[in-house]
Amino acid sequence: MDSSVIMGIASNSLRLVVYLAAPALLAGLAVGLLVSIFQAATQIQEQTLSFIPKLIAMVVALMVMGPWMLQQWVDFTTNLFHSIPDLIG
């Protein structure tokens, strides 16, 4: 096993992490932007106002995208375990 194989596995791992984190982060970003626009329009400057909507949006995103995320994780792990004999030999 050479360094290119290890770098390939690390690259795929980091790509998977980004894919798994994206739904929750994008939901939080979108809701945060909407709450910020609402706060700017109404001149309500309460810092805690944006926390609960972002939290709810992230939980909903994880509930909706959870099965897809789990399937991606299981597929990656299964492929990694199946490639162990090729990596060793």
PDB file of N, CA and C in Angstrom:
ATOM      1  N   MET A   1       0.861  -1.178   0.000  1.00  0.00           N
ATOM      2  CA  MET A   1       0.000   0.000   0.000  1.00  0.00           C
ATOM      3  C   MET A   1       0.901   1.231   0.000  1.00  0.00           C
ATOM      4  N   ASP A   2       0.679   2.090  -0.979  1.00  0.00           N
ATOM      5  CA  ASP A   2       1.510   3.278  -1.088  1.00  0.00           C
ATOM      6  C   ASP A   2       0.723   4.519  -0.671  1.00  0.00           C
ATOM      7  N   SER A   3       1.404   5.621  -0.732  1.00  0.00           N
ATOM      8  CA  SER A   3       0.800   6.858  -0.227  1.00  0.00           C
ATOM      9  C   SER A   3      -0.365   7.342  -1.089  1.00  0.00           C
ATOM     10  N   SER A   4      -0.381   7.006  -2.374  1.00  0.00           N
ATOM     11  CA  SER A   4      -1.491   7.450  -3.221  1.00  0.00           C
ATOM     12  C   SER A   4      -2.798   6.776  -2.822  1.00  0.00           C
ATOM     13  N   VAL A   5      -2.730   5.529  -2.395  1.00  0.00           N
ATOM     14  CA  VAL A   5      -3.932   4.825  -1.936  1.00  0.00           C
ATOM     15  C   VAL A   5      -4.449   5.463  -0.651  1.00  0.00           C
ATOM     16  N   ILE A   6      -3.543   5.762   0.262  1.00  0.00           N
ATOM     17  CA  ILE A   6      -3.933   6.392   1.528  1.00  0.00           C
ATOM     18  C   ILE A   6      -4.521   7.773   1.276  1.00  0.00           C
ATOM     19  N   MET A   7      -3.915   8.514   0.375  1.00  0.00           N
ATOM     20  CA  MET A   7      -4.459   9.840   0.046  1.00  0.00           C
ATOM     21  C   MET A   7      -5.821   9.738  -0.627  1.00  0.00           C
ATOM     22  N   GLY A   8      -6.040   8.724  -1.424  1.00  0.00           N
ATOM     23  CA  GLY A   8      -7.333   8.508  -2.052  1.00  0.00           C
ATOM     24  C   GLY A   8      -8.411   8.199  -1.022  1.00  0.00           C
ATOM     25  N   ILE A   9      -8.084   7.358  -0.065  1.00  0.00           N
ATOM     26  CA  ILE A   9      -9.035   7.026   1.002  1.00  0.00           C
ATOM     27  C   ILE A   9      -9.322   8.265   1.848  1.00  0.00           C
ATOM     28  N   ALA A  10      -8.292   9.019   2.168  1.00  0.00           N
ATOM     29  CA  ALA A  10      -8.488  10.237   2.962  1.00  0.00           C
ATOM     30  C   ALA A  10      -9.329  11.256   2.194  1.00  0.00           C
ATOM     31  N   SER A  11      -9.093  11.384   0.906  1.00  0.00           N
ATOM     32  CA  SER A  11      -9.865  12.311   0.087  1.00  0.00           C
ATOM     33  C   SER A  11     -11.340  11.906   0.039  1.00  0.00           C
ATOM     34  N   ASN A  12     -11.593  10.617  -0.153  1.00  0.00           N
ATOM     35  CA  ASN A  12     -12.977  10.141  -0.164  1.00  0.00           C
ATOM     36  C   ASN A  12     -13.647  10.321   1.197  1.00  0.00           C
ATOM     37  N   SER A  13     -12.878  10.135   2.256  1.00  0.00           N
ATOM     38  CA  SER A  13     -13.425  10.318   3.601  1.00  0.00           C
ATOM     39  C   SER A  13     -13.821  11.765   3.842  1.00  0.00           C
ATOM     40  N   LEU A  14     -12.951  12.690   3.456  1.00  0.00           N
ATOM     41  CA  LEU A  14     -13.261  14.104   3.647  1.00  0.00           C
ATOM     42  C   LEU A  14     -14.430  14.548   2.776  1.00  0.00           C
ATOM     43  N   ARG A  15     -14.526  14.011   1.572  1.00  0.00           N
ATOM     44  CA  ARG A  15     -15.649  14.327   0.695  1.00  0.00           C
ATOM     45  C   ARG A  15     -16.955  13.831   1.319  1.00  0.00           C
ATOM     46  N   LEU A  16     -16.923  12.648   1.908  1.00  0.00           N
ATOM     47  CA  LEU A  16     -18.110  12.113   2.569  1.00  0.00           C
ATOM     48  C   LEU A  16     -18.518  12.969   3.761  1.00  0.00           C
ATOM     49  N   VAL A  17     -17.552  13.437   4.522  1.00  0.00           N
ATOM     50  CA  VAL A  17     -17.844  14.310   5.658  1.00  0.00           C
ATOM     51  C   VAL A  17     -18.535  15.587   5.196  1.00  0.00           C
ATOM     52  N   VAL A  18     -18.064  16.154   4.111  1.00  0.00           N
ATOM     53  CA  VAL A  18     -18.690  17.368   3.578  1.00  0.00           C
ATOM     54  C   VAL A  18     -20.114  17.080   3.127  1.00  0.00           C
ATOM     55  N   TYR A  19     -20.317  15.946   2.424  1.00  0.00           N
ATOM     56  CA  TYR A  19     -21.659  15.590   1.970  1.00  0.00           C
ATOM     57  C   TYR A  19     -22.601  15.356   3.140  1.00  0.00           C
ATOM     58  N   LEU A  20     -22.109  14.751   4.214  1.00  0.00           N
ATOM     59  CA  LEU A  20     -22.970  14.459   5.358  1.00  0.00           C
ATOM     60  C   LEU A  20     -23.270  15.703   6.187  1.00  0.00           C
ATOM     61  N   ALA A  21     -22.369  16.657   6.208  1.00  0.00           N
ATOM     62  CA  ALA A  21     -22.585  17.869   6.987  1.00  0.00           C
ATOM     63  C   ALA A  21     -23.399  18.913   6.232  1.00  0.00           C
ATOM     64  N   ALA A  22     -23.407  18.828   4.911  1.00  0.00           N
ATOM     65  CA  ALA A  22     -24.029  19.874   4.090  1.00  0.00           C
ATOM     66  C   ALA A  22     -25.520  20.096   4.347  1.00  0.00           C
ATOM     67  N   PRO A  23     -26.356  19.068   4.451  1.00  0.00           N
ATOM     68  CA  PRO A  23     -27.790  19.350   4.637  1.00  0.00           C
ATOM     69  C   PRO A  23     -28.095  20.158   5.894  1.00  0.00           C
ATOM     70  N   ALA A  24     -27.517  19.789   7.014  1.00  0.00           N
ATOM     71  CA  ALA A  24     -27.772  20.515   8.256  1.00  0.00           C
ATOM     72  C   ALA A  24     -27.193  21.926   8.201  1.00  0.00           C
ATOM     73  N   LEU A  25     -25.997  22.062   7.667  1.00  0.00           N
ATOM     74  CA  LEU A  25     -25.378  23.385   7.602  1.00  0.00           C
ATOM     75  C   LEU A  25     -26.113  24.315   6.640  1.00  0.00           C
ATOM     76  N   LEU A  26     -26.555  23.788   5.504  1.00  0.00           N
ATOM     77  CA  LEU A  26     -27.291  24.622   4.560  1.00  0.00           C
ATOM     78  C   LEU A  26     -28.652  25.037   5.106  1.00  0.00           C
ATOM     79  N   ALA A  27     -29.311  24.131   5.839  1.00  0.00           N
ATOM     80  CA  ALA A  27     -30.591  24.487   6.459  1.00  0.00           C
ATOM     81  C   ALA A  27     -30.380  25.580   7.504  1.00  0.00           C
ATOM     82  N   GLY A  28     -29.364  25.451   8.325  1.00  0.00           N
ATOM     83  CA  GLY A  28     -29.061  26.481   9.317  1.00  0.00           C
ATOM     84  C   GLY A  28     -28.697  27.803   8.671  1.00  0.00           C
ATOM     85  N   LEU A  29     -27.954  27.743   7.573  1.00  0.00           N
ATOM     86  CA  LEU A  29     -27.573  28.956   6.856  1.00  0.00           C
ATOM     87  C   LEU A  29     -28.793  29.664   6.277  1.00  0.00           C
ATOM     88  N   ALA A  30     -29.685  28.903   5.658  1.00  0.00           N
ATOM     89  CA  ALA A  30     -30.872  29.502   5.043  1.00  0.00           C
ATOM     90  C   ALA A  30     -31.788  30.132   6.091  1.00  0.00           C
ATOM     91  N   VAL A  31     -32.022  29.424   7.173  1.00  0.00           N
ATOM     92  CA  VAL A  31     -32.890  29.964   8.223  1.00  0.00           C
ATOM     93  C   VAL A  31     -32.221  31.151   8.901  1.00  0.00           C
ATOM     94  N   GLY A  32     -30.935  31.078   9.115  1.00  0.00           N
ATOM     95  CA  GLY A  32     -30.228  32.212   9.702  1.00  0.00           C
ATOM     96  C   GLY A  32     -30.319  33.452   8.839  1.00  0.00           C
ATOM     97  N   LEU A  33     -30.213  33.276   7.526  1.00  0.00           N
ATOM     98  CA  LEU A  33     -30.341  34.401   6.607  1.00  0.00           C
ATOM     99  C   LEU A  33     -31.748  34.995   6.657  1.00  0.00           C
ATOM    100  N   LEU A  34     -32.759  34.129   6.673  1.00  0.00           N
ATOM    101  CA  LEU A  34     -34.139  34.622   6.748  1.00  0.00           C
ATOM    102  C   LEU A  34     -34.411  35.356   8.058  1.00  0.00           C
ATOM    103  N   VAL A  35     -33.923  34.826   9.151  1.00  0.00           N
ATOM    104  CA  VAL A  35     -34.117  35.483  10.447  1.00  0.00           C
ATOM    105  C   VAL A  35     -33.372  36.811  10.481  1.00  0.00           C
ATOM    106  N   SER A  36     -32.193  36.867   9.897  1.00  0.00           N
ATOM    107  CA  SER A  36     -31.438  38.122   9.845  1.00  0.00           C
ATOM    108  C   SER A  36     -32.173  39.183   9.039  1.00  0.00           C
ATOM    109  N   ILE A  37     -32.750  38.769   7.908  1.00  0.00           N
ATOM    110  CA  ILE A  37     -33.535  39.720   7.110  1.00  0.00           C
ATOM    111  C   ILE A  37     -34.747  40.190   7.897  1.00  0.00           C
ATOM    112  N   PHE A  38     -35.408  39.272   8.591  1.00  0.00           N
ATOM    113  CA  PHE A  38     -36.549  39.647   9.422  1.00  0.00           C
ATOM    114  C   PHE A  38     -36.144  40.617  10.533  1.00  0.00           C
ATOM    115  N   GLN A  39     -35.027  40.349  11.173  1.00  0.00           N
ATOM    116  CA  GLN A  39     -34.551  41.227  12.237  1.00  0.00           C
ATOM    117  C   GLN A  39     -34.183  42.604  11.690  1.00  0.00           C
ATOM    118  N   ALA A  40     -33.591  42.647  10.525  1.00  0.00           N
ATOM    119  CA  ALA A  40     -33.225  43.937   9.936  1.00  0.00           C
ATOM    120  C   ALA A  40     -34.470  44.718   9.532  1.00  0.00           C
ATOM    121  N   ALA A  41     -35.477  44.016   9.041  1.00  0.00           N
ATOM    122  CA  ALA A  41     -36.700  44.694   8.597  1.00  0.00           C
ATOM    123  C   ALA A  41     -37.511  45.226   9.776  1.00  0.00           C
ATOM    124  N   THR A  42     -37.529  44.483  10.872  1.00  0.00           N
ATOM    125  CA  THR A  42     -38.340  44.889  12.030  1.00  0.00           C
ATOM    126  C   THR A  42     -37.523  45.612  13.097  1.00  0.00           C
ATOM    127  N   GLN A  43     -36.226  45.691  12.920  1.00  0.00           N
ATOM    128  CA  GLN A  43     -35.315  46.317  13.867  1.00  0.00           C
ATOM    129  C   GLN A  43     -35.353  45.667  15.252  1.00  0.00           C
ATOM    130  N   ILE A  44     -35.625  44.366  15.265  1.00  0.00           N
ATOM    131  CA  ILE A  44     -35.530  43.584  16.502  1.00  0.00           C
ATOM    132  C   ILE A  44     -34.098  43.053  16.571  1.00  0.00           C
ATOM    133  N   GLN A  45     -33.363  43.434  17.568  1.00  0.00           N
ATOM    134  CA  GLN A  45     -31.958  43.048  17.662  1.00  0.00           C
ATOM    135  C   GLN A  45     -31.720  42.077  18.816  1.00  0.00           C
ATOM    136  N   GLU A  46     -32.564  41.089  18.921  1.00  0.00           N
ATOM    137  CA  GLU A  46     -32.414  40.070  19.963  1.00  0.00           C
ATOM    138  C   GLU A  46     -31.496  38.958  19.429  1.00  0.00           C
ATOM    139  N   GLN A  47     -30.409  38.704  20.121  1.00  0.00           N
ATOM    140  CA  GLN A  47     -29.424  37.732  19.658  1.00  0.00           C
ATOM    141  C   GLN A  47     -29.931  36.302  19.754  1.00  0.00           C
ATOM    142  N   THR A  48     -30.802  36.026  20.715  1.00  0.00           N
ATOM    143  CA  THR A  48     -31.272  34.656  20.893  1.00  0.00           C
ATOM    144  C   THR A  48     -32.417  34.301  19.957  1.00  0.00           C
ATOM    145  N   LEU A  49     -32.940  35.253  19.209  1.00  0.00           N
ATOM    146  CA  LEU A  49     -34.068  34.998  18.319  1.00  0.00           C
ATOM    147  C   LEU A  49     -33.707  34.035  17.200  1.00  0.00           C
ATOM    148  N   SER A  50     -32.503  34.048  16.736  1.00  0.00           N
ATOM    149  CA  SER A  50     -32.128  33.205  15.601  1.00  0.00           C
ATOM    150  C   SER A  50     -31.747  31.783  16.011  1.00  0.00           C
ATOM    151  N   PHE A  51     -31.511  31.544  17.283  1.00  0.00           N
ATOM    152  CA  PHE A  51     -31.012  30.236  17.707  1.00  0.00           C
ATOM    153  C   PHE A  51     -32.064  29.142  17.550  1.00  0.00           C
ATOM    154  N   ILE A  52     -33.259  29.340  18.062  1.00  0.00           N
ATOM    155  CA  ILE A  52     -34.291  28.302  18.042  1.00  0.00           C
ATOM    156  C   ILE A  52     -34.725  27.957  16.615  1.00  0.00           C
ATOM    157  N   PRO A  53     -35.005  28.930  15.731  1.00  0.00           N
ATOM    158  CA  PRO A  53     -35.363  28.541  14.358  1.00  0.00           C
ATOM    159  C   PRO A  53     -34.251  27.769  13.633  1.00  0.00           C
ATOM    160  N   LYS A  54     -32.997  28.164  13.865  1.00  0.00           N
ATOM    161  CA  LYS A  54     -31.894  27.438  13.239  1.00  0.00           C
ATOM    162  C   LYS A  54     -31.802  26.020  13.784  1.00  0.00           C
ATOM    163  N   LEU A  55     -31.977  25.864  15.073  1.00  0.00           N
ATOM    164  CA  LEU A  55     -31.928  24.540  15.689  1.00  0.00           C
ATOM    165  C   LEU A  55     -33.031  23.653  15.141  1.00  0.00           C
ATOM    166  N   ILE A  56     -34.238  24.193  15.035  1.00  0.00           N
ATOM    167  CA  ILE A  56     -35.361  23.423  14.509  1.00  0.00           C
ATOM    168  C   ILE A  56     -35.112  23.043  13.048  1.00  0.00           C
ATOM    169  N   ALA A  57     -34.620  23.979  12.252  1.00  0.00           N
ATOM    170  CA  ALA A  57     -34.353  23.699  10.845  1.00  0.00           C
ATOM    171  C   ALA A  57     -33.287  22.619  10.686  1.00  0.00           C
ATOM    172  N   MET A  58     -32.277  22.657  11.523  1.00  0.00           N
ATOM    173  CA  MET A  58     -31.222  21.656  11.427  1.00  0.00           C
ATOM    174  C   MET A  58     -31.727  20.283  11.838  1.00  0.00           C
ATOM    175  N   VAL A  59     -32.563  20.216  12.862  1.00  0.00           N
ATOM    176  CA  VAL A  59     -33.124  18.935  13.283  1.00  0.00           C
ATOM    177  C   VAL A  59     -34.035  18.372  12.193  1.00  0.00           C
ATOM    178  N   VAL A  60     -34.860  19.235  11.597  1.00  0.00           N
ATOM    179  CA  VAL A  60     -35.733  18.783  10.510  1.00  0.00           C
ATOM    180  C   VAL A  60     -34.906  18.295   9.325  1.00  0.00           C
ATOM    181  N   ALA A  61     -33.849  19.019   8.987  1.00  0.00           N
ATOM    182  CA  ALA A  61     -32.986  18.604   7.878  1.00  0.00           C
ATOM    183  C   ALA A  61     -32.346  17.245   8.171  1.00  0.00           C
ATOM    184  N   LEU A  62     -31.925  17.029   9.402  1.00  0.00           N
ATOM    185  CA  LEU A  62     -31.333  15.740   9.756  1.00  0.00           C
ATOM    186  C   LEU A  62     -32.371  14.624   9.727  1.00  0.00           C
ATOM    187  N   MET A  63     -33.606  14.934  10.121  1.00  0.00           N
ATOM    188  CA  MET A  63     -34.661  13.918  10.076  1.00  0.00           C
ATOM    189  C   MET A  63     -35.026  13.565   8.636  1.00  0.00           C
ATOM    190  N   VAL A  64     -35.083  14.567   7.780  1.00  0.00           N
ATOM    191  CA  VAL A  64     -35.455  14.325   6.385  1.00  0.00           C
ATOM    192  C   VAL A  64     -34.317  13.648   5.628  1.00  0.00           C
ATOM    193  N   MET A  65     -33.126  14.135   5.798  1.00  0.00           N
ATOM    194  CA  MET A  65     -31.983  13.615   5.049  1.00  0.00           C
ATOM    195  C   MET A  65     -31.263  12.478   5.762  1.00  0.00           C
ATOM    196  N   GLY A  66     -31.686  12.137   6.967  1.00  0.00           N
ATOM    197  CA  GLY A  66     -31.025  11.103   7.753  1.00  0.00           C
ATOM    198  C   GLY A  66     -30.875   9.765   7.059  1.00  0.00           C
ATOM    199  N   PRO A  67     -31.955   9.231   6.453  1.00  0.00           N
ATOM    200  CA  PRO A  67     -31.795   7.936   5.772  1.00  0.00           C
ATOM    201  C   PRO A  67     -30.779   7.979   4.630  1.00  0.00           C
ATOM    202  N   TRP A  68     -30.778   9.062   3.858  1.00  0.00           N
ATOM    203  CA  TRP A  68     -29.799   9.192   2.783  1.00  0.00           C
ATOM    204  C   TRP A  68     -28.392   9.271   3.356  1.00  0.00           C
ATOM    205  N   MET A  69     -28.227  10.050   4.426  1.00  0.00           N
ATOM    206  CA  MET A  69     -26.920  10.203   5.038  1.00  0.00           C
ATOM    207  C   MET A  69     -26.406   8.866   5.574  1.00  0.00           C
ATOM    208  N   LEU A  70     -27.291   8.129   6.230  1.00  0.00           N
ATOM    209  CA  LEU A  70     -26.902   6.829   6.767  1.00  0.00           C
ATOM    210  C   LEU A  70     -26.523   5.863   5.655  1.00  0.00           C
ATOM    211  N   GLN A  71     -27.264   5.894   4.551  1.00  0.00           N
ATOM    212  CA  GLN A  71     -26.957   5.011   3.425  1.00  0.00           C
ATOM    213  C   GLN A  71     -25.602   5.351   2.810  1.00  0.00           C
ATOM    214  N   GLN A  72     -25.292   6.634   2.696  1.00  0.00           N
ATOM    215  CA  GLN A  72     -23.989   7.039   2.172  1.00  0.00           C
ATOM    216  C   GLN A  72     -22.859   6.554   3.079  1.00  0.00           C
ATOM    217  N   TRP A  73     -23.074   6.683   4.373  1.00  0.00           N
ATOM    218  CA  TRP A  73     -22.070   6.263   5.343  1.00  0.00           C
ATOM    219  C   TRP A  73     -21.856   4.749   5.297  1.00  0.00           C
ATOM    220  N   VAL A  74     -22.956   3.996   5.240  1.00  0.00           N
ATOM    221  CA  VAL A  74     -22.869   2.538   5.192  1.00  0.00           C
ATOM    222  C   VAL A  74     -22.199   2.085   3.891  1.00  0.00           C
ATOM    223  N   ASP A  75     -22.549   2.714   2.770  1.00  0.00           N
ATOM    224  CA  ASP A  75     -21.929   2.344   1.492  1.00  0.00           C
ATOM    225  C   ASP A  75     -20.427   2.597   1.515  1.00  0.00           C
ATOM    226  N   PHE A  76     -20.019   3.740   2.054  1.00  0.00           N
ATOM    227  CA  PHE A  76     -18.587   4.048   2.126  1.00  0.00           C
ATOM    228  C   PHE A  76     -17.859   3.031   2.998  1.00  0.00           C
ATOM    229  N   THR A  77     -18.428   2.724   4.150  1.00  0.00           N
ATOM    230  CA  THR A  77     -17.785   1.786   5.069  1.00  0.00           C
ATOM    231  C   THR A  77     -17.725   0.388   4.470  1.00  0.00           C
ATOM    232  N   THR A  78     -18.807  -0.034   3.826  1.00  0.00           N
ATOM    233  CA  THR A  78     -18.825  -1.346   3.190  1.00  0.00           C
ATOM    234  C   THR A  78     -17.768  -1.433   2.086  1.00  0.00           C
ATOM    235  N   ASN A  79     -17.688  -0.403   1.260  1.00  0.00           N
ATOM    236  CA  ASN A  79     -16.669  -0.397   0.199  1.00  0.00           C
ATOM    237  C   ASN A  79     -15.260  -0.405   0.773  1.00  0.00           C
ATOM    238  N   LEU A  80     -15.077   0.316   1.865  1.00  0.00           N
ATOM    239  CA  LEU A  80     -13.757   0.345   2.492  1.00  0.00           C
ATOM    240  C   LEU A  80     -13.387  -1.026   3.053  1.00  0.00           C
ATOM    241  N   PHE A  81     -14.336  -1.688   3.704  1.00  0.00           N
ATOM    242  CA  PHE A  81     -14.055  -3.017   4.259  1.00  0.00           C
ATOM    243  C   PHE A  81     -13.830  -4.050   3.155  1.00  0.00           C
ATOM    244  N   HIS A  82     -14.557  -3.923   2.043  1.00  0.00           N
ATOM    245  CA  HIS A  82     -14.376  -4.871   0.948  1.00  0.00           C
ATOM    246  C   HIS A  82     -13.054  -4.654   0.231  1.00  0.00           C
ATOM    247  N   SER A  83     -12.502  -3.469   0.323  1.00  0.00           N
ATOM    248  CA  SER A  83     -11.229  -3.205  -0.359  1.00  0.00           C
ATOM    249  C   SER A  83     -10.009  -3.528   0.505  1.00  0.00           C
ATOM    250  N   ILE A  84     -10.208  -3.955   1.731  1.00  0.00           N
ATOM    251  CA  ILE A  84      -9.074  -4.278   2.614  1.00  0.00           C
ATOM    252  C   ILE A  84      -8.175  -5.364   2.034  1.00  0.00           C
ATOM    253  N   PRO A  85      -8.715  -6.468   1.498  1.00  0.00           N
ATOM    254  CA  PRO A  85      -7.783  -7.486   0.939  1.00  0.00           C
ATOM    255  C   PRO A  85      -6.934  -6.933  -0.211  1.00  0.00           C
ATOM    256  N   ASP A  86      -7.512  -6.078  -1.034  1.00  0.00           N
ATOM    257  CA  ASP A  86      -6.728  -5.486  -2.122  1.00  0.00           C
ATOM    258  C   ASP A  86      -5.668  -4.532  -1.589  1.00  0.00           C
ATOM    259  N   LEU A  87      -5.975  -3.835  -0.509  1.00  0.00           N
ATOM    260  CA  LEU A  87      -5.015  -2.883   0.062  1.00  0.00           C
ATOM    261  C   LEU A  87      -3.852  -3.597   0.732  1.00  0.00           C
ATOM    262  N   ILE A  88      -4.130  -4.721   1.353  1.00  0.00           N
ATOM    263  CA  ILE A  88      -3.077  -5.438   2.072  1.00  0.00           C
ATOM    264  C   ILE A  88      -2.184  -6.211   1.109  1.00  0.00           C
ATOM    265  N   GLY A  89      -2.818  -6.886   0.168  1.00  0.00           N
ATOM    266  CA  GLY A  89      -2.063  -7.757  -0.731  1.00  0.00           C
ATOM    267  C   GLY A  89      -1.561  -7.031  -1.901  1.00  0.00           C
TER     268      GLY A  89
END
